[in-house]
């Protein structure tokens, strides 16, 4: 990784709920990442293990939608080497003040030309299935990003707003800012929106309660991004909440005897005491 969190980055993250970065990963890693994206959306899973969510494939997918796969790291080691990176996790711990970091999930996102918006939302609104339900997301651009390309949009300071339950359509809503507009009315303020305009290899970190979404890609080139959704290393399941949000998907990994998240499925990437799930390096080098 080509980035280390500074005190200025931490201050900006605390104030705004996000921080933008121009150099998260090296440019020479982008071609192989793009190749891995093509493999995943063609149903080619290098490890033989399918991702947890496959929401789009070239043979069947709606061309007007943003392509999405969740936990591509389980299917492709090129993806895994990014989202399981120890230095990236340490940056997240520095921003969040956590004692350690696990991967909750990754997102493999591909917004082709003319693809429709993704609705504004707060990630943590979907996370009632574990506690503490804190979340930090790292969004890595594989292509140069700008407003016309339907880049990610953040609402400054919105991580300090009142928490709201999920609402509205996520994929291709008619008004992708509707839920945000409802939230601003509830808060009695106007949204101050920042567009993530960074070169390929750059990206951002954002707080789990920061409002964000993205508009239509009006350019003639795709907008691809790899996202790490990270949680604290000391989280536990809340079984009584599995019926909410994405619990039904990730609750399948619950152990019989306790509420501890199994490191085979939610590995610890970095911990202040030096611990890291031992199996990660073997998996990456297999």
Protein backbone atom coordinates (compact mmCIF):
# COMPACT_ATOMS: atom_id res chain seq x y z
CA UNK A 1 0.00 0.00 0.00
CA UNK A 2 1.25 3.47 -0.86
CA UNK A 3 -0.48 5.42 1.92
CA UNK A 4 -0.10 6.02 5.65
CA UNK A 5 -2.67 7.97 7.67
CA UNK A 6 -1.36 11.32 8.93
CA UNK A 7 -2.61 13.41 11.85
CA UNK A 8 -4.21 15.76 9.30
CA UNK A 9 -6.05 12.81 7.69
CA UNK A 10 -7.32 11.71 11.11
CA UNK A 11 -8.53 15.23 11.88
CA UNK A 12 -10.34 15.45 8.52
CA UNK A 13 -11.91 12.02 8.99
CA UNK A 14 -13.18 12.92 12.46
CA UNK A 15 -14.64 16.22 11.25
CA UNK A 16 -16.17 15.14 7.93
CA UNK A 17 -16.81 11.41 8.31
CA UNK A 18 -14.47 10.64 5.39
CA UNK A 19 -11.05 11.41 3.98
CA UNK A 20 -9.98 11.36 0.31
CA UNK A 21 -6.65 9.87 -0.78
CA UNK A 22 -4.86 10.09 -4.16
CA UNK A 23 -2.50 7.13 -3.77
CA UNK A 24 -3.95 4.13 -1.97
CA UNK A 25 -2.45 1.45 -4.23
CA UNK A 26 0.35 1.41 -6.77
CA UNK A 27 -0.53 1.93 -10.45
CA UNK A 28 1.18 -1.32 -11.51
CA UNK A 29 -1.42 -3.32 -9.52
CA UNK A 30 -4.37 -1.92 -11.47
CA UNK A 31 -4.17 -4.09 -14.64
CA UNK A 32 -4.21 -7.39 -12.75
CA UNK A 33 -7.05 -6.11 -10.54
CA UNK A 34 -9.11 -5.24 -13.62
CA UNK A 35 -8.43 -8.72 -14.98
CA UNK A 36 -9.63 -10.20 -11.69
CA UNK A 37 -12.83 -8.13 -11.98
CA UNK A 38 -13.47 -9.58 -15.45
CA UNK A 39 -12.95 -13.11 -14.16
CA UNK A 40 -15.38 -12.64 -11.27
CA UNK A 41 -18.15 -11.15 -13.39
CA UNK A 42 -17.66 -13.97 -15.89
CA UNK A 43 -18.23 -16.52 -13.13
CA UNK A 44 -14.57 -17.59 -13.04
CA UNK A 45 -13.61 -18.18 -9.40
CA UNK A 46 -9.88 -18.87 -9.17
CA UNK A 47 -10.01 -20.48 -5.72
CA UNK A 48 -13.02 -22.67 -6.53
CA UNK A 49 -15.05 -20.89 -3.82
CA UNK A 50 -17.96 -18.67 -4.86
CA UNK A 51 -18.32 -15.19 -3.36
CA UNK A 52 -21.05 -14.70 -0.75
CA UNK A 53 -23.11 -12.51 -3.08
CA UNK A 54 -23.01 -12.52 -6.87
CA UNK A 55 -25.44 -9.84 -7.99
CA UNK A 56 -24.40 -9.56 -11.63
CA UNK A 57 -22.91 -11.81 -14.35
CA UNK A 58 -22.10 -11.07 -17.99
CA UNK A 59 -24.43 -13.81 -19.22
CA UNK A 60 -27.51 -12.65 -17.33
CA UNK A 61 -26.96 -9.20 -15.82
CA UNK A 62 -28.97 -6.05 -16.56
CA UNK A 63 -26.62 -3.78 -18.52
CA UNK A 64 -28.11 -0.67 -16.91
CA UNK A 65 -27.14 -1.68 -13.36
CA UNK A 66 -23.92 -1.31 -11.43
CA UNK A 67 -22.28 -4.73 -11.25
CA UNK A 68 -21.66 -5.97 -7.71
CA UNK A 69 -20.04 -8.96 -6.03
CA UNK A 70 -19.55 -9.29 -2.26
CA UNK A 71 -16.58 -11.11 -0.75
CA UNK A 72 -14.69 -11.58 -3.98
CA UNK A 73 -11.65 -12.20 -1.78
CA UNK A 74 -12.87 -15.75 -1.18
CA UNK A 75 -12.95 -16.41 -4.93
CA UNK A 76 -9.86 -14.56 -6.16
CA UNK A 77 -6.50 -14.07 -4.45
CA UNK A 78 -5.68 -10.90 -6.41
CA UNK A 79 -8.66 -9.28 -4.72
CA UNK A 80 -7.69 -10.89 -1.41
CA UNK A 81 -4.17 -9.44 -1.46
CA UNK A 82 -5.70 -5.95 -1.43
CA UNK A 83 -8.56 -6.27 1.03
CA UNK A 84 -6.65 -8.48 3.49
CA UNK A 85 -3.61 -6.20 3.48
CA UNK A 86 -2.17 -5.58 6.95
CA UNK A 87 -1.04 -1.99 6.28
CA UNK A 88 -4.47 -1.04 4.95
CA UNK A 89 -6.08 -2.43 8.12
CA UNK A 90 -3.63 -0.54 10.33
CA UNK A 91 -4.62 2.70 8.55
CA UNK A 92 -8.25 1.93 9.35
CA UNK A 93 -7.39 1.31 13.01
CA UNK A 94 -5.58 4.65 13.14
CA UNK A 95 -8.57 6.51 11.71
CA UNK A 96 -11.13 4.73 13.90
CA UNK A 97 -9.16 4.29 17.12
CA UNK A 98 -9.99 0.57 17.17
CA UNK A 99 -7.78 -2.03 18.94
CA UNK A 100 -7.93 -4.28 15.88
CA UNK A 101 -9.54 -4.72 12.47
CA UNK A 102 -11.41 -7.58 10.75
CA UNK A 103 -12.81 -7.73 7.26
CA UNK A 104 -16.61 -7.77 7.32
CA UNK A 105 -16.92 -7.99 3.54
CA UNK A 106 -15.60 -6.57 0.31
CA UNK A 107 -17.48 -5.11 -2.64
CA UNK A 108 -16.34 -5.57 -6.24
CA UNK A 109 -18.11 -2.74 -8.09
CA UNK A 110 -18.24 -2.03 -11.82
CA UNK A 111 -20.38 0.85 -13.08
CA UNK A 112 -20.40 0.70 -16.92
CA UNK A 113 -21.32 3.63 -19.17
CA UNK A 114 -24.97 4.70 -18.70
CA UNK A 115 -25.33 2.59 -15.55
CA UNK A 116 -27.96 3.99 -13.22
CA UNK A 117 -27.41 5.40 -9.71
CA UNK A 118 -26.92 3.74 -6.35
CA UNK A 119 -29.18 5.17 -3.66
CA UNK A 120 -27.88 7.22 -0.77
CA UNK A 121 -27.55 5.19 2.41
CA UNK A 122 -25.57 4.65 5.62
CA UNK A 123 -23.67 1.36 5.76
CA UNK A 124 -24.09 0.87 9.50
CA UNK A 125 -27.88 1.01 9.19
CA UNK A 126 -27.70 -2.56 7.82
CA UNK A 127 -25.44 -4.00 10.54
CA UNK A 128 -27.65 -4.91 13.48
CA UNK A 129 -26.36 -8.50 13.32
CA UNK A 130 -23.09 -7.82 15.15
CA UNK A 131 -21.85 -5.65 18.01
CA UNK A 132 -20.18 -3.22 18.30
CA UNK A 133 -21.66 -2.38 14.88
CA UNK A 134 -18.96 0.18 14.03
CA UNK A 135 -17.77 0.15 10.43
CA UNK A 136 -15.10 1.84 8.34
CA UNK A 137 -15.01 1.42 4.56
CA UNK A 138 -12.05 1.89 2.25
CA UNK A 139 -13.09 2.64 -1.36
CA UNK A 140 -10.34 2.10 -3.98
CA UNK A 141 -10.80 3.45 -7.51
CA UNK A 142 -9.51 1.34 -10.40
CA UNK A 143 -10.30 4.14 -12.88
CA UNK A 144 -9.94 7.91 -12.76
CA UNK A 145 -13.11 9.27 -11.14
CA UNK A 146 -15.15 12.43 -11.58
CA UNK A 147 -18.71 13.70 -11.28
CA UNK A 148 -19.72 12.73 -14.83
CA UNK A 149 -18.59 9.15 -14.25
CA UNK A 150 -21.02 8.61 -11.38
CA UNK A 151 -18.36 8.71 -8.69
CA UNK A 152 -18.99 8.23 -4.98
CA UNK A 153 -20.65 11.15 -3.17
CA UNK A 154 -20.30 11.91 0.56
CA UNK A 155 -22.29 14.23 2.81
CA UNK A 156 -19.93 16.20 5.00
CA UNK A 157 -20.39 15.67 8.73
CA UNK A 158 -23.34 13.30 8.27
CA UNK A 159 -21.75 10.63 10.49
CA UNK A 160 -22.85 12.81 13.42
CA UNK A 161 -26.52 12.88 12.35
CA UNK A 162 -29.20 10.83 14.09
CA UNK A 163 -29.15 7.17 13.06
CA UNK A 164 -31.97 6.15 10.72
CA UNK A 165 -33.22 2.75 9.53
CA UNK A 166 -32.62 1.77 5.88
CA UNK A 167 -35.17 3.13 3.42
CA UNK A 168 -35.80 3.13 -0.31
CA UNK A 169 -34.32 1.24 -3.22
CA UNK A 170 -30.54 0.76 -3.31
CA UNK A 171 -30.01 -0.36 -6.93
CA UNK A 172 -31.08 2.15 -9.60
CA UNK A 173 -33.72 4.22 -7.75
CA UNK A 174 -35.50 6.94 -9.69
CA UNK A 175 -34.33 9.54 -7.17
CA UNK A 176 -31.06 8.31 -5.71
CA UNK A 177 -30.94 11.14 -3.15
CA UNK A 178 -34.47 10.65 -1.80
CA UNK A 179 -33.44 8.95 1.46
CA UNK A 180 -30.82 11.66 1.97
CA UNK A 181 -33.43 14.36 1.40
CA UNK A 182 -35.64 12.75 4.03
CA UNK A 183 -32.71 12.68 6.44
CA UNK A 184 -31.84 16.34 5.88
CA UNK A 185 -35.45 17.33 6.52
CA UNK A 186 -35.32 15.37 9.77
CA UNK A 187 -32.04 17.08 10.73
CA UNK A 188 -33.22 20.51 9.61
CA UNK A 189 -30.07 21.19 7.57
CA UNK A 190 -28.88 21.16 3.96
CA UNK A 191 -26.55 18.45 2.71
CA UNK A 192 -23.02 19.52 1.76
CA UNK A 193 -21.92 16.97 -0.84
CA UNK A 194 -18.33 16.08 -1.72
CA UNK A 195 -17.58 14.10 -4.90
CA UNK A 196 -14.72 11.61 -4.75
CA UNK A 197 -12.61 12.79 -7.68
CA UNK A 198 -9.32 10.89 -7.52
CA UNK A 199 -6.95 9.23 -9.99
CA UNK A 200 -6.96 5.48 -10.51
CA UNK A 201 -5.33 3.92 -7.46
CA UNK A 202 -6.71 6.62 -5.18
CA UNK A 203 -9.85 6.45 -3.12
CA UNK A 204 -11.29 7.24 0.28
CA UNK A 205 -12.13 6.04 3.78
CA UNK A 206 -15.54 6.67 5.28
CA UNK A 207 -17.34 6.18 8.58
CA UNK A 208 -20.16 3.64 8.77
CA UNK A 209 -22.78 6.33 9.48
CA UNK A 210 -21.66 8.72 6.72
CA UNK A 211 -24.35 9.24 4.10
CA UNK A 212 -23.15 8.32 0.59
CA UNK A 213 -24.38 7.22 -2.84
CA UNK A 214 -23.55 7.72 -6.51
CA UNK A 215 -25.21 9.03 -9.67
CA UNK A 216 -25.47 7.81 -13.26
CA UNK A 217 -22.27 7.17 -15.21
CA UNK A 218 -22.62 9.59 -18.14
CA UNK A 219 -19.13 8.94 -19.52
CA UNK A 220 -18.10 6.40 -22.16
CA UNK A 221 -15.81 4.47 -19.80
CA UNK A 222 -16.48 2.28 -16.77
CA UNK A 223 -16.01 3.25 -13.14
CA UNK A 224 -14.63 0.30 -11.21
CA UNK A 225 -13.91 0.23 -7.48
CA UNK A 226 -12.85 -2.29 -4.85
CA UNK A 227 -14.20 -1.69 -1.34
CA UNK A 228 -13.10 -3.09 2.01
CA UNK A 229 -15.79 -2.91 4.70
CA UNK A 230 -13.94 -3.31 8.00
CA UNK A 231 -15.18 -3.92 11.53
CA UNK A 232 -13.52 -4.10 14.94
CA UNK A 233 -11.60 -7.26 15.78
CA UNK A 234 -13.59 -7.75 19.01
CA UNK A 235 -17.11 -7.92 17.52
CA UNK A 236 -19.65 -10.64 18.33
CA UNK A 237 -22.83 -11.91 16.69
CA UNK A 238 -26.28 -10.83 17.91
CA UNK A 239 -28.38 -13.85 16.86
CA UNK A 240 -31.71 -12.26 17.74
CA UNK A 241 -31.08 -9.62 15.07
CA UNK A 242 -30.25 -11.99 12.21
CA UNK A 243 -33.56 -11.24 10.50
CA UNK A 244 -32.47 -7.62 9.97
CA UNK A 245 -30.38 -6.34 7.08
CA UNK A 246 -27.71 -8.68 5.70
CA UNK A 247 -27.75 -10.94 8.76
CA UNK A 248 -29.38 -13.85 6.89
CA UNK A 249 -26.36 -14.03 4.56
CA UNK A 250 -23.48 -13.77 7.00
CA UNK A 251 -25.17 -15.53 9.91
CA UNK A 252 -24.52 -18.80 8.06
CA UNK A 253 -20.99 -18.68 9.51
CA UNK A 254 -22.13 -18.60 13.14
CA UNK A 255 -20.55 -21.28 15.30
CA UNK A 256 -22.79 -23.62 17.27
CA UNK A 257 -21.50 -22.93 20.77
CA UNK A 258 -20.85 -19.18 20.96
CA UNK A 259 -21.28 -15.76 19.28
CA UNK A 260 -17.65 -15.31 18.25
CA UNK A 261 -17.07 -14.56 14.57
CA UNK A 262 -14.99 -17.33 13.01
CA UNK A 263 -11.67 -16.06 11.67
CA UNK A 264 -11.89 -18.36 8.66
CA UNK A 265 -14.71 -16.17 7.35
CA UNK A 266 -14.00 -12.86 9.11
CA UNK A 267 -10.20 -12.90 9.52
CA UNK A 268 -8.42 -10.40 11.76
CA UNK A 269 -6.19 -8.27 9.52
CA UNK A 270 -4.37 -6.24 12.16
CA UNK A 271 -4.38 -5.96 15.92
CA UNK A 272 -2.55 -3.60 18.26
CA UNK A 273 -0.91 -6.53 20.08
CA UNK A 274 0.60 -7.78 16.79
CA UNK A 275 -1.91 -10.56 16.19
CA UNK A 276 -3.12 -11.34 12.65
CA UNK A 277 -5.10 -14.43 11.64
CA UNK A 278 -2.27 -16.93 10.92
CA UNK A 279 -4.02 -18.60 7.98
CA UNK A 280 -4.13 -15.40 5.88
CA UNK A 281 -0.58 -15.55 4.57
CA UNK A 282 -0.84 -19.24 3.71
CA UNK A 283 -4.06 -18.51 1.80
CA UNK A 284 -2.56 -15.59 -0.11
CA UNK A 285 0.55 -17.55 -1.09
CA UNK A 286 -1.23 -20.79 -2.03
